[in-house]
N, C-alpha and C. Protein backbone atom coordinates (compact mmCIF):
# COMPACT_ATOMS: atom_id res chain seq x y z
N MET A 1 89.94 85.27 95.25
CA MET A 1 91.54 85.13 95.14
C MET A 1 91.60 84.08 94.41
N LYS A 2 92.70 84.18 93.72
CA LYS A 2 93.41 82.95 92.63
C LYS A 2 94.71 82.70 93.10
N LEU A 3 94.57 80.49 92.66
CA LEU A 3 96.34 80.26 93.11
C LEU A 3 96.59 80.25 91.71
N VAL A 4 97.35 80.70 91.48
CA VAL A 4 98.09 81.20 89.97
C VAL A 4 99.11 80.18 89.64
N SER A 5 100.27 79.88 90.68
CA SER A 5 101.19 79.33 90.35
C SER A 5 101.42 78.03 91.99
N LEU A 6 101.22 76.58 91.70
CA LEU A 6 101.32 76.26 92.99
C LEU A 6 103.47 75.85 93.02
N ASN A 7 104.01 75.92 94.05
CA ASN A 7 105.46 75.42 94.41
C ASN A 7 105.79 74.77 94.95
N CYS A 8 106.59 73.96 94.52
CA CYS A 8 106.76 72.60 95.87
C CYS A 8 108.42 73.30 95.98
N GLY A 9 108.89 72.07 96.62
CA GLY A 9 110.56 72.12 97.21
C GLY A 9 111.10 71.20 98.33
N MET A 10 112.16 69.95 97.40
CA MET A 10 112.08 69.62 99.35
C MET A 10 114.04 70.65 99.62
N PRO A 11 114.84 69.82 100.97
CA PRO A 11 115.57 70.64 101.24
C PRO A 11 116.99 70.22 100.44
N LYS A 12 117.62 71.27 100.26
CA LYS A 12 118.82 71.25 99.59
C LYS A 12 119.89 71.97 100.16
N GLU A 13 121.06 71.66 100.27
CA GLU A 13 122.33 71.72 100.84
C GLU A 13 123.41 72.81 99.89
N VAL A 14 123.25 74.08 100.19
CA VAL A 14 123.98 75.23 99.38
C VAL A 14 124.99 75.97 100.86
N LEU A 15 126.14 76.80 99.40
CA LEU A 15 127.35 77.02 100.05
C LEU A 15 126.95 78.65 100.37
N TRP A 16 126.88 78.62 101.60
CA TRP A 16 126.79 80.36 101.98
C TRP A 16 127.57 81.00 103.07
N HIS A 17 128.74 82.12 102.75
CA HIS A 17 129.97 82.32 103.25
C HIS A 17 130.50 81.39 103.54
N GLY A 18 130.55 80.82 103.26
CA GLY A 18 131.96 79.61 103.39
C GLY A 18 130.81 78.38 104.58
N GLN A 19 130.50 78.63 104.21
CA GLN A 19 129.51 77.04 105.39
C GLN A 19 128.12 76.76 104.10
N ASN A 20 128.07 75.24 104.55
CA ASN A 20 126.58 74.65 103.89
C ASN A 20 125.94 74.61 104.80
N VAL A 21 124.68 74.83 104.21
CA VAL A 21 123.77 75.36 104.78
C VAL A 21 122.20 74.44 104.03
N THR A 22 121.31 74.15 105.13
CA THR A 22 120.27 73.03 103.99
C THR A 22 119.14 74.12 104.52
N THR A 23 118.57 74.01 103.61
CA THR A 23 117.30 75.09 103.09
C THR A 23 116.20 74.34 102.29
N SER A 24 115.12 74.98 102.08
CA SER A 24 113.54 74.23 101.33
C SER A 24 113.26 75.64 100.58
N ILE A 25 114.12 76.84 100.76
CA ILE A 25 113.76 77.85 100.41
C ILE A 25 113.20 77.83 98.57
N TYR A 26 114.26 77.08 97.94
CA TYR A 26 114.15 77.18 96.86
C TYR A 26 113.00 76.38 95.92
N LYS A 27 112.15 76.63 95.19
CA LYS A 27 110.84 76.25 94.68
C LYS A 27 110.63 76.46 93.47
N GLU A 28 109.88 75.15 92.71
CA GLU A 28 109.48 75.76 92.05
C GLU A 28 108.39 75.40 91.45
N PRO A 29 107.35 75.71 90.24
CA PRO A 29 105.92 75.39 89.56
C PRO A 29 105.93 73.98 89.80
N VAL A 30 104.52 73.72 90.35
CA VAL A 30 104.13 71.89 89.62
C VAL A 30 102.93 72.30 89.02
N HIS A 31 103.36 71.07 88.33
CA HIS A 31 102.05 71.70 87.08
C HIS A 31 100.79 70.58 86.99
N ALA A 32 100.77 69.40 88.21
CA ALA A 32 99.52 68.86 88.50
C ALA A 32 98.77 69.22 89.79
N ARG A 33 97.44 68.76 90.10
CA ARG A 33 97.05 68.90 90.98
C ARG A 33 98.42 67.91 92.14
N VAL A 34 98.32 68.72 93.88
CA VAL A 34 98.70 67.80 94.38
C VAL A 34 98.22 67.81 96.06
N ALA A 35 98.09 66.30 96.62
CA ALA A 35 97.68 66.56 98.28
C ALA A 35 98.15 67.77 99.06
N LEU A 36 96.98 68.73 99.50
CA LEU A 36 97.37 69.42 100.47
C LEU A 36 97.03 68.58 101.81
N ARG A 37 98.39 68.46 102.30
CA ARG A 37 97.72 67.32 104.02
C ARG A 37 98.63 68.69 105.09
N THR A 38 97.62 68.36 105.63
CA THR A 38 98.70 69.19 107.42
C THR A 38 99.74 70.03 108.08
N LEU A 39 100.47 68.96 106.91
CA LEU A 39 101.47 69.19 107.76
C LEU A 39 102.00 70.37 106.00
N ASN A 40 101.65 69.49 105.29
CA ASN A 40 102.66 70.52 104.13
C ASN A 40 101.75 69.58 102.57
N LEU A 41 102.39 69.83 101.59
CA LEU A 41 102.03 69.75 100.09
C LEU A 41 102.98 67.96 100.20
N ASP A 42 102.17 67.98 99.42
CA ASP A 42 102.78 66.42 99.38
C ASP A 42 104.15 66.47 98.07
N GLY A 43 105.76 66.73 98.24
CA GLY A 43 106.37 67.24 97.26
C GLY A 43 107.19 68.30 97.73
N ASP A 44 106.89 68.83 98.97
CA ASP A 44 107.12 70.06 99.52
C ASP A 44 107.83 70.08 100.94
N ARG A 45 108.67 70.12 101.51
CA ARG A 45 109.17 69.70 103.05
C ARG A 45 109.72 71.08 103.04
N GLN A 46 109.82 71.07 104.32
CA GLN A 46 111.27 72.40 105.02
C GLN A 46 112.23 72.16 106.06
N SER A 47 113.10 72.40 105.83
CA SER A 47 114.42 71.37 105.94
C SER A 47 114.68 71.64 107.69
N ASP A 48 114.07 73.11 108.70
CA ASP A 48 114.89 73.35 110.00
C ASP A 48 113.35 73.41 110.55
N LEU A 49 112.52 71.98 111.29
CA LEU A 49 111.57 72.09 111.74
C LEU A 49 111.38 73.68 113.33
N THR A 50 112.62 74.14 113.86
CA THR A 50 112.72 73.73 115.28
C THR A 50 112.12 75.56 114.77
N VAL A 51 111.51 76.56 113.18
CA VAL A 51 111.90 77.55 112.75
C VAL A 51 110.44 77.25 111.85
N HIS A 52 110.69 76.35 111.20
CA HIS A 52 109.76 76.15 110.05
C HIS A 52 108.56 75.22 109.95
N GLY A 53 107.77 75.45 108.97
CA GLY A 53 106.73 73.86 109.20
C GLY A 53 105.98 73.93 110.22
N GLY A 54 105.24 73.27 110.19
CA GLY A 54 104.42 72.77 111.37
C GLY A 54 103.08 72.98 111.01
N LYS A 55 102.22 72.89 112.37
CA LYS A 55 100.76 72.88 111.25
C LYS A 55 100.36 74.21 111.06
N TYR A 56 100.89 75.09 111.91
CA TYR A 56 100.40 76.38 111.64
C TYR A 56 100.93 77.06 110.25
N LYS A 57 102.30 76.22 109.81
CA LYS A 57 103.13 76.89 108.72
C LYS A 57 102.95 75.80 107.86
N ALA A 58 101.99 75.35 107.24
CA ALA A 58 101.57 74.23 106.31
C ALA A 58 102.01 74.93 104.99
N VAL A 59 101.35 75.84 104.55
CA VAL A 59 101.46 76.47 103.13
C VAL A 59 101.90 78.01 103.53
N TYR A 60 102.49 78.63 102.59
CA TYR A 60 103.11 79.72 102.73
C TYR A 60 102.57 80.91 101.11
N CYS A 61 102.22 81.68 101.11
CA CYS A 61 101.31 82.30 100.27
C CYS A 61 101.90 83.75 99.90
N TYR A 62 102.03 83.88 98.53
CA TYR A 62 102.46 85.28 98.13
C TYR A 62 102.08 85.87 96.83
N PRO A 63 101.35 87.06 97.46
CA PRO A 63 100.64 87.43 96.12
C PRO A 63 101.49 88.02 94.63
N ILE A 64 101.12 87.21 94.04
CA ILE A 64 101.84 87.78 92.69
C ILE A 64 102.14 89.53 92.20
N ASP A 65 101.12 90.29 93.20
CA ASP A 65 101.19 91.45 92.45
C ASP A 65 102.45 92.34 92.98
N TYR A 66 103.29 91.63 94.14
CA TYR A 66 104.32 92.03 94.44
C TYR A 66 105.59 91.81 93.67
N TYR A 67 105.87 91.18 92.83
CA TYR A 67 106.74 90.72 91.52
C TYR A 67 107.25 91.82 90.65
N CYS A 68 106.19 93.10 90.59
CA CYS A 68 106.45 94.07 90.27
C CYS A 68 107.82 94.93 90.84
N TYR A 69 107.07 95.13 92.39
CA TYR A 69 108.30 96.20 93.28
C TYR A 69 109.45 95.10 93.21
N TRP A 70 109.50 93.64 93.13
CA TRP A 70 110.46 93.31 93.83
C TRP A 70 111.68 93.53 92.61
N GLN A 71 110.95 93.65 91.07
CA GLN A 71 111.67 93.43 90.20
C GLN A 71 112.45 94.81 89.79
N THR A 72 111.62 96.00 90.21
CA THR A 72 111.99 97.02 90.14
C THR A 72 113.44 96.72 91.15
N GLU A 73 113.59 96.40 92.56
CA GLU A 73 113.99 96.25 93.32
C GLU A 73 115.07 95.41 93.52
N LEU A 74 115.34 94.29 92.52
CA LEU A 74 115.98 93.27 92.06
C LEU A 74 116.15 93.00 90.74
N PRO A 75 116.74 94.42 90.05
CA PRO A 75 116.53 94.02 88.64
C PRO A 75 117.55 93.39 88.16
N ASP A 76 118.89 93.33 88.88
CA ASP A 76 119.91 91.75 88.22
C ASP A 76 118.48 90.64 88.72
N HIS A 77 118.04 90.45 89.28
CA HIS A 77 117.06 89.15 89.59
C HIS A 77 116.34 88.33 88.15
N LEU A 78 115.81 87.48 88.18
CA LEU A 78 115.10 86.45 87.83
C LEU A 78 114.12 86.43 88.45
N LEU A 79 113.16 86.67 88.37
CA LEU A 79 111.80 86.16 89.54
C LEU A 79 110.66 85.22 89.16
N PRO A 80 110.86 83.87 88.63
CA PRO A 80 109.77 82.97 88.78
C PRO A 80 108.63 83.13 89.89
N TYR A 81 107.27 82.68 90.03
CA TYR A 81 107.23 82.30 90.85
C TYR A 81 107.55 81.65 91.73
N GLY A 82 107.39 81.50 92.86
CA GLY A 82 107.94 80.08 93.71
C GLY A 82 109.62 81.52 94.31
N SER A 83 109.58 82.48 93.61
CA SER A 83 111.18 83.27 94.24
C SER A 83 111.34 83.25 95.79
N PHE A 84 109.81 83.58 96.64
CA PHE A 84 110.45 83.63 97.85
C PHE A 84 109.70 83.10 98.58
N GLY A 85 109.93 81.81 97.81
CA GLY A 85 109.29 80.50 98.51
C GLY A 85 108.43 80.34 99.24
N GLU A 86 107.51 80.70 98.69
CA GLU A 86 105.81 80.80 98.51
C GLU A 86 105.65 78.96 97.63
N ASN A 87 104.14 78.30 98.91
CA ASN A 87 104.09 77.63 98.46
C ASN A 87 102.82 77.88 96.89
N PHE A 88 102.13 79.07 97.74
CA PHE A 88 101.23 79.56 96.75
C PHE A 88 101.20 80.54 96.25
N SER A 89 101.48 81.58 95.15
CA SER A 89 101.68 82.69 94.37
C SER A 89 100.10 82.99 93.72
N VAL A 90 99.84 84.03 93.93
CA VAL A 90 98.08 84.19 94.40
C VAL A 90 97.92 85.64 93.59
N GLU A 91 97.12 86.02 93.19
CA GLU A 91 96.61 87.54 92.41
C GLU A 91 94.87 87.57 93.35
N GLY A 92 94.64 88.47 93.00
CA GLY A 92 93.67 88.65 93.25
C GLY A 92 93.78 89.59 94.70
N LEU A 93 94.57 90.15 95.18
CA LEU A 93 94.38 90.45 96.65
C LEU A 93 94.63 91.56 96.76
N VAL A 94 95.63 91.97 95.85
CA VAL A 94 96.34 93.82 95.57
C VAL A 94 95.11 94.46 95.37
N ARG A 95 94.71 95.62 95.69
CA ARG A 95 93.27 96.57 95.04
C ARG A 95 93.71 98.04 95.39
N GLU A 96 94.07 98.51 96.37
CA GLU A 96 95.05 99.80 97.03
C GLU A 96 95.15 98.90 98.39
N GLY A 97 96.67 99.51 98.40
CA GLY A 97 97.68 99.33 99.78
C GLY A 97 97.95 97.88 99.65
N LEU A 98 98.14 96.93 100.38
CA LEU A 98 98.78 96.03 100.12
C LEU A 98 97.55 94.49 101.05
N ALA A 99 97.93 93.79 100.00
CA ALA A 99 96.99 92.52 100.69
C ALA A 99 97.16 92.22 101.57
N GLU A 100 98.40 92.67 102.90
CA GLU A 100 98.01 91.70 104.25
C GLU A 100 97.25 92.97 104.82
N ASP A 101 97.38 94.35 104.80
CA ASP A 101 95.64 94.81 104.91
C ASP A 101 94.59 94.68 104.96
N SER A 102 94.36 93.39 104.03
CA SER A 102 92.90 92.42 103.84
C SER A 102 92.69 91.84 104.26
N ILE A 103 93.66 90.82 104.99
CA ILE A 103 93.47 89.50 105.15
C ILE A 103 94.31 89.86 106.59
N HIS A 104 92.66 88.42 107.39
CA HIS A 104 93.31 88.48 108.94
C HIS A 104 93.26 86.72 109.30
N VAL A 105 94.10 86.98 110.26
CA VAL A 105 94.59 85.83 111.16
C VAL A 105 92.99 86.02 111.83
N GLY A 106 92.70 84.56 111.07
CA GLY A 106 91.49 83.80 111.23
C GLY A 106 90.54 83.66 109.82
N ASP A 107 91.06 84.09 108.72
CA ASP A 107 90.08 84.00 107.69
C ASP A 107 89.81 82.85 107.68
N ARG A 108 89.17 82.21 106.94
CA ARG A 108 89.03 80.94 106.38
C ARG A 108 88.60 80.61 104.54
N PHE A 109 88.91 79.83 104.17
CA PHE A 109 89.28 79.76 102.60
C PHE A 109 88.99 78.64 102.26
N SER A 110 88.66 78.10 101.32
CA SER A 110 88.19 76.78 100.63
C SER A 110 88.99 76.75 99.10
N VAL A 111 90.11 75.59 98.69
CA VAL A 111 91.10 75.89 97.78
C VAL A 111 91.13 74.30 97.20
N GLY A 112 90.79 73.96 95.66
CA GLY A 112 90.55 72.63 95.64
C GLY A 112 89.50 71.85 96.47
N SER A 113 89.61 71.12 96.65
CA SER A 113 88.78 70.30 97.63
C SER A 113 89.19 70.58 99.10
N ALA A 114 90.34 71.68 99.39
CA ALA A 114 90.69 71.96 100.88
C ALA A 114 89.82 72.49 101.82
N GLU A 115 90.07 72.78 102.72
CA GLU A 115 89.83 74.12 103.60
C GLU A 115 91.84 74.76 104.65
N VAL A 116 91.53 75.61 104.40
CA VAL A 116 92.47 77.00 104.91
C VAL A 116 92.16 78.03 106.05
N VAL A 117 93.02 78.07 106.92
CA VAL A 117 92.52 79.40 107.24
C VAL A 117 94.00 79.98 107.60
N VAL A 118 94.06 81.35 107.85
CA VAL A 118 95.24 82.28 107.79
C VAL A 118 95.29 81.98 109.69
N THR A 119 96.78 81.91 109.35
CA THR A 119 97.27 81.48 111.29
C THR A 119 98.62 82.94 111.72
N GLN A 120 99.36 83.84 110.69
CA GLN A 120 100.15 84.47 111.14
C GLN A 120 101.28 85.38 109.63
N PRO A 121 101.57 86.01 110.09
CA PRO A 121 102.85 86.90 108.69
C PRO A 121 104.02 86.06 108.29
N ARG A 122 104.66 87.06 107.59
CA ARG A 122 105.97 85.35 107.47
C ARG A 122 106.55 86.61 107.99
N LEU A 123 107.81 85.76 109.14
CA LEU A 123 108.95 86.94 109.40
C LEU A 123 109.82 86.01 108.80
N PRO A 124 110.74 86.69 108.06
CA PRO A 124 112.11 85.27 107.32
C PRO A 124 112.77 85.31 107.88
N CYS A 125 113.97 84.35 107.47
CA CYS A 125 114.88 84.03 108.29
C CYS A 125 116.20 84.25 107.09
N TYR A 126 117.31 84.42 107.40
CA TYR A 126 118.69 84.37 106.78
C TYR A 126 118.53 83.30 105.28
N LYS A 127 117.70 82.53 105.04
CA LYS A 127 118.45 81.82 104.54
C LYS A 127 117.37 82.89 103.46
N LEU A 128 116.35 83.60 102.95
CA LEU A 128 115.50 84.41 102.21
C LEU A 128 117.05 85.26 101.65
N GLY A 129 117.89 85.44 102.36
CA GLY A 129 119.77 86.75 101.48
C GLY A 129 120.08 85.14 100.96
N ILE A 130 120.06 84.14 101.33
CA ILE A 130 120.58 83.30 100.87
C ILE A 130 120.41 83.07 99.19
N LYS A 131 118.78 82.95 99.18
CA LYS A 131 117.88 82.18 98.05
C LYS A 131 118.73 83.80 97.10
N PHE A 132 118.69 84.90 97.34
CA PHE A 132 118.98 86.16 96.38
C PHE A 132 120.30 86.37 96.99
N GLY A 133 121.44 86.02 97.48
CA GLY A 133 122.69 86.90 97.81
C GLY A 133 122.63 87.41 98.38
N LEU A 134 122.21 88.07 99.22
CA LEU A 134 121.82 89.36 99.69
C LEU A 134 121.83 89.37 100.85
N ASP A 135 123.26 89.97 102.14
CA ASP A 135 123.07 90.14 103.32
C ASP A 135 121.90 90.80 103.70
N ASP A 136 121.46 91.70 103.05
CA ASP A 136 120.09 92.72 103.55
C ASP A 136 119.33 92.51 103.42
N MET A 137 118.49 91.18 102.50
CA MET A 137 117.37 90.42 101.91
C MET A 137 116.03 90.80 102.96
N VAL A 138 116.91 90.10 104.59
CA VAL A 138 115.26 90.75 105.18
C VAL A 138 114.98 91.57 105.87
N LYS A 139 115.90 92.20 105.87
CA LYS A 139 115.94 93.77 106.35
C LYS A 139 114.90 94.48 105.07
N ARG A 140 115.59 94.49 104.13
CA ARG A 140 114.37 94.40 103.04
C ARG A 140 113.46 94.08 102.74
N PHE A 141 112.62 92.73 103.29
CA PHE A 141 111.75 92.01 102.83
C PHE A 141 111.24 92.73 103.61
N LEU A 142 111.44 93.00 104.95
CA LEU A 142 110.60 93.20 106.10
C LEU A 142 109.82 95.11 106.04
N LYS A 143 111.01 95.49 105.88
CA LYS A 143 110.89 97.38 106.02
C LYS A 143 109.69 97.41 104.31
N SER A 144 110.05 96.63 103.10
CA SER A 144 108.13 96.36 102.63
C SER A 144 107.11 96.27 102.61
N ARG A 145 107.10 95.85 103.80
CA ARG A 145 106.22 95.13 104.00
C ARG A 145 105.04 94.12 103.55
N ARG A 146 105.64 93.80 102.50
CA ARG A 146 104.81 92.55 101.25
C ARG A 146 105.69 91.38 102.83
N THR A 147 104.90 91.00 103.24
CA THR A 147 105.44 89.51 103.93
C THR A 147 104.64 88.20 103.06
N GLY A 148 103.58 88.15 102.52
CA GLY A 148 102.26 87.38 102.85
C GLY A 148 102.11 86.73 103.93
N PHE A 149 101.62 85.28 103.66
CA PHE A 149 101.40 84.73 105.07
C PHE A 149 100.61 83.42 104.73
N TYR A 150 100.97 82.91 106.44
CA TYR A 150 100.98 81.58 106.35
C TYR A 150 99.91 81.14 106.43
N LEU A 151 99.41 79.21 106.47
CA LEU A 151 98.16 79.10 106.24
C LEU A 151 98.35 77.64 107.07
N ALA A 152 96.90 77.20 107.75
CA ALA A 152 97.05 76.03 108.67
C ALA A 152 95.66 74.90 107.56
N VAL A 153 96.08 73.85 107.38
CA VAL A 153 95.07 73.11 106.41
C VAL A 153 94.55 72.81 107.32
N THR A 154 92.55 73.23 107.47
CA THR A 154 91.38 72.62 107.98
C THR A 154 91.36 71.81 107.60
N ARG A 155 90.83 70.94 106.51
CA ARG A 155 90.94 70.22 106.03
C ARG A 155 91.79 69.63 104.28
N GLU A 156 91.85 68.34 104.91
CA GLU A 156 92.93 67.94 103.61
C GLU A 156 92.46 67.91 102.21
N GLY A 157 93.19 68.32 101.62
CA GLY A 157 92.30 67.51 100.39
C GLY A 157 93.29 68.23 98.80
N ASP A 158 92.76 67.54 97.73
CA ASP A 158 94.04 68.23 96.77
C ASP A 158 93.69 69.46 95.79
N VAL A 159 95.21 70.55 95.79
CA VAL A 159 94.82 71.76 95.31
C VAL A 159 95.79 72.09 93.40
N GLY A 160 95.71 73.03 92.96
CA GLY A 160 96.43 72.76 91.80
C GLY A 160 96.32 74.20 91.09
N ALA A 161 97.07 74.56 90.38
CA ALA A 161 96.82 76.25 89.89
C ALA A 161 96.06 76.24 89.22
N GLY A 162 95.24 77.57 89.17
CA GLY A 162 94.24 77.34 89.10
C GLY A 162 92.33 78.05 89.63
N ASP A 163 92.84 76.95 90.47
CA ASP A 163 92.17 76.76 91.70
C ASP A 163 91.81 78.65 92.30
N ASP A 164 90.20 78.65 92.92
CA ASP A 164 90.27 79.74 93.38
C ASP A 164 89.72 79.60 95.04
N LEU A 165 90.45 80.75 95.54
CA LEU A 165 90.61 80.48 97.01
C LEU A 165 89.60 81.53 97.83
N THR A 166 88.38 80.74 97.99
CA THR A 166 87.17 81.38 98.40
C THR A 166 86.93 81.08 99.75
N LEU A 167 86.65 82.53 100.04
CA LEU A 167 86.72 82.51 101.81
C LEU A 167 85.48 82.66 101.77
N LEU A 168 85.98 82.21 103.64
CA LEU A 168 84.45 81.10 103.52
C LEU A 168 83.91 81.73 105.03
N SER A 169 84.83 82.16 106.17
CA SER A 169 84.25 83.09 107.46
C SER A 169 85.30 83.68 107.59
N ARG A 170 85.34 84.89 108.53
CA ARG A 170 85.96 85.45 109.11
C ARG A 170 85.47 85.64 110.93
N GLY A 171 87.16 85.51 111.75
CA GLY A 171 86.23 85.57 112.50
C GLY A 171 85.85 86.58 113.36
N PRO A 172 84.99 86.86 114.21
CA PRO A 172 84.29 88.56 115.17
C PRO A 172 85.93 89.00 115.26
N ASP A 173 86.15 90.78 115.05
CA ASP A 173 87.08 91.13 115.84
C ASP A 173 88.20 90.80 114.79
N PRO A 174 88.29 91.07 113.86
CA PRO A 174 90.03 90.32 113.18
C PRO A 174 90.64 91.74 113.10
N VAL A 175 92.19 90.65 113.43
CA VAL A 175 93.11 91.88 113.53
C VAL A 175 93.57 91.04 112.05
N SER A 176 94.74 92.07 111.18
CA SER A 176 95.19 91.86 110.14
C SER A 176 96.25 91.77 110.14
N ILE A 177 96.62 91.12 108.86
CA ILE A 177 98.22 90.46 108.96
C ILE A 177 99.29 91.43 109.06
N SER A 178 99.04 92.70 108.59
CA SER A 178 100.02 93.51 108.35
C SER A 178 99.31 94.51 109.85
N GLU A 179 99.02 94.38 110.85
CA GLU A 179 98.80 94.82 111.79
C GLU A 179 99.31 93.34 113.17
N ILE A 180 99.64 92.78 112.85
CA ILE A 180 100.04 91.56 113.43
C ILE A 180 101.47 91.97 112.78
N THR A 181 102.12 91.90 112.25
CA THR A 181 103.60 92.74 112.00
C THR A 181 104.16 93.68 112.17
N ARG A 182 102.91 94.97 112.48
CA ARG A 182 103.41 95.98 113.29
C ARG A 182 103.75 95.49 114.98
N LEU A 183 102.52 95.40 114.94
CA LEU A 183 102.41 95.06 116.52
C LEU A 183 103.95 94.11 117.12
N TYR A 184 104.35 92.85 116.18
CA TYR A 184 105.28 92.35 116.11
C TYR A 184 106.82 92.97 116.39
N VAL A 185 107.33 93.79 115.89
CA VAL A 185 108.41 94.85 115.89
C VAL A 185 108.41 96.14 116.49
N ALA A 186 106.86 96.48 116.97
CA ALA A 186 106.75 97.56 117.63
C ALA A 186 107.56 97.56 119.13
N LYS A 187 108.07 98.83 119.07
CA LYS A 187 108.99 98.29 120.58
C LYS A 187 108.17 98.90 121.98
N GLU A 188 107.63 99.34 121.76
CA GLU A 188 106.16 99.83 122.79
C GLU A 188 104.89 99.93 122.10
N TYR A 189 103.71 100.20 123.30
CA TYR A 189 102.55 100.29 121.96
C TYR A 189 102.18 101.18 123.35
N GLY A 190 101.04 101.78 122.42
CA GLY A 190 99.87 102.44 122.38
C GLY A 190 98.53 102.27 123.00
N PRO A 191 97.26 103.01 123.85
CA PRO A 191 96.63 102.02 124.43
C PRO A 191 95.60 101.77 123.14
N GLU A 192 95.80 102.40 121.95
CA GLU A 192 95.10 101.44 120.65
C GLU A 192 95.76 99.92 120.58
N ASP A 193 97.16 100.29 120.86
CA ASP A 193 97.44 98.85 120.29
C ASP A 193 97.88 97.74 121.39
N ALA A 194 97.27 97.62 123.04
CA ALA A 194 97.64 97.09 123.48
C ALA A 194 96.09 96.59 122.99
N SER A 195 94.59 97.25 122.56
CA SER A 195 93.25 96.58 122.74
C SER A 195 93.77 95.91 121.24
N LEU A 196 94.69 96.09 120.25
CA LEU A 196 94.66 95.33 119.63
C LEU A 196 95.16 93.83 119.88
N VAL A 197 95.99 93.90 120.48
CA VAL A 197 96.84 92.79 120.69
C VAL A 197 96.17 91.98 121.43
N ARG A 198 95.18 92.30 122.20
CA ARG A 198 94.11 91.60 123.02
C ARG A 198 93.73 90.95 122.02
N ARG A 199 93.07 91.69 121.02
CA ARG A 199 92.05 91.52 119.48
C ARG A 199 92.47 89.98 118.85
N ALA A 200 94.50 90.05 118.76
CA ALA A 200 94.76 89.33 118.15
C ALA A 200 94.81 87.82 118.82
N ILE A 201 95.33 87.75 120.47
CA ILE A 201 95.42 87.12 121.27
C ILE A 201 94.15 85.74 121.44
N ALA A 202 92.77 86.38 121.59
CA ALA A 202 91.56 86.54 121.15
C ALA A 202 91.90 85.05 119.82
N ALA A 203 92.38 85.19 119.14
CA ALA A 203 91.31 84.38 117.61
C ALA A 203 92.12 82.93 117.54
N ASP A 204 91.70 82.61 117.20
CA ASP A 204 91.47 80.52 118.23
C ASP A 204 93.24 80.43 116.84
N ALA A 205 92.87 80.99 115.45
CA ALA A 205 93.89 80.72 115.03
C ALA A 205 95.70 81.53 114.86
N LEU A 206 95.51 82.17 116.17
CA LEU A 206 97.23 82.67 115.96
C LEU A 206 97.43 81.63 116.53
N PRO A 207 99.34 81.51 116.32
CA PRO A 207 99.28 79.63 117.21
C PRO A 207 100.01 80.52 118.72
N ASP A 208 99.73 79.60 119.26
CA ASP A 208 100.77 79.75 120.51
C ASP A 208 101.72 80.51 121.08
N SER A 209 102.66 80.31 120.38
CA SER A 209 103.85 80.99 120.30
C SER A 209 103.54 82.50 120.10
N TRP A 210 103.20 82.96 118.84
CA TRP A 210 102.60 84.27 119.03
C TRP A 210 101.97 85.09 120.25
N ARG A 211 101.16 84.17 120.92
CA ARG A 211 99.99 84.39 121.35
C ARG A 211 100.77 84.82 123.09
N THR A 212 101.60 83.90 122.81
CA THR A 212 102.83 84.18 124.17
C THR A 212 103.59 85.72 124.32
N TYR A 213 104.10 85.16 122.89
CA TYR A 213 105.22 86.61 122.52
C TYR A 213 104.60 87.90 123.04
N PHE A 214 102.98 88.25 122.23
CA PHE A 214 102.33 88.99 122.54
C PHE A 214 101.58 89.26 124.52
N GLN A 215 101.59 88.52 124.95
CA GLN A 215 101.26 88.12 126.41
C GLN A 215 102.02 88.81 127.10
N GLU A 216 103.61 88.26 126.66
CA GLU A 216 104.76 89.22 127.28
C GLU A 216 104.81 90.33 127.83
N LYS A 217 104.82 91.33 126.05
CA LYS A 217 104.14 92.76 125.77
C LYS A 217 104.01 93.17 126.48
N LEU A 218 102.33 92.90 126.68
CA LEU A 218 101.37 92.65 127.43
C LEU A 218 101.68 93.66 128.92
N ASN A 219 102.26 92.47 129.13
CA ASN A 219 103.20 92.21 131.00
C ASN A 219 104.00 93.24 131.13
N ARG A 220 104.91 93.18 130.10
CA ARG A 220 105.56 94.26 130.31
C ARG A 220 105.28 95.58 130.23
N LEU A 221 104.30 95.99 129.57
CA LEU A 221 103.23 97.20 129.65
C LEU A 221 102.83 97.57 131.30
N SER A 222 102.50 96.61 131.70
CA SER A 222 101.05 96.58 132.52
C SER A 222 102.00 97.01 133.99
N ASN A 223 103.32 96.16 133.76
CA ASN A 223 104.06 96.72 134.98
C ASN A 223 104.74 97.48 135.27
């Protein structure tokens, strides 16, 4: 996997349905090496820290292979790298199926002089709709199953376009990002789903908020 474009952006105010909204979804490519720190990249900030950012969402990755799909879906939009709010536009993941099928919670990578770990899929908020001027963009994004994924920083360092993301390790009995998303939105669990959820909960890299959510769903299943 290779980092093709490194994208950063600061909070900005935009008008949406008559309301001023602050968002950091507008990212632009950076043509220099950048320090990757525990909470974010230098020159990149999240706007609403109640739902964005934090150590489990330091970096958002999105495969460039998906841009062809979205160009067909959104023919009237220009789609430069960073269009989906990603920090890392990456290639080399999509061979068959979706990238999220082959990336797992707990996968550890080196990139530049830093090291990172996969923590969760992206669940987009309404600001993705603001970016594209489409009220149904969040629904379309989730339906596509092309969510991308977040990284936590396990070793700070510097990164830049052209760096390889090299797999260092994969946790025991891992659960893929696509399965995490499916289990999140599923209204009911079968026996195999419940087993997958227990495996997900056991992953050290899974954020506590996800672990709590899944445990509550399991508890309802057993009652």
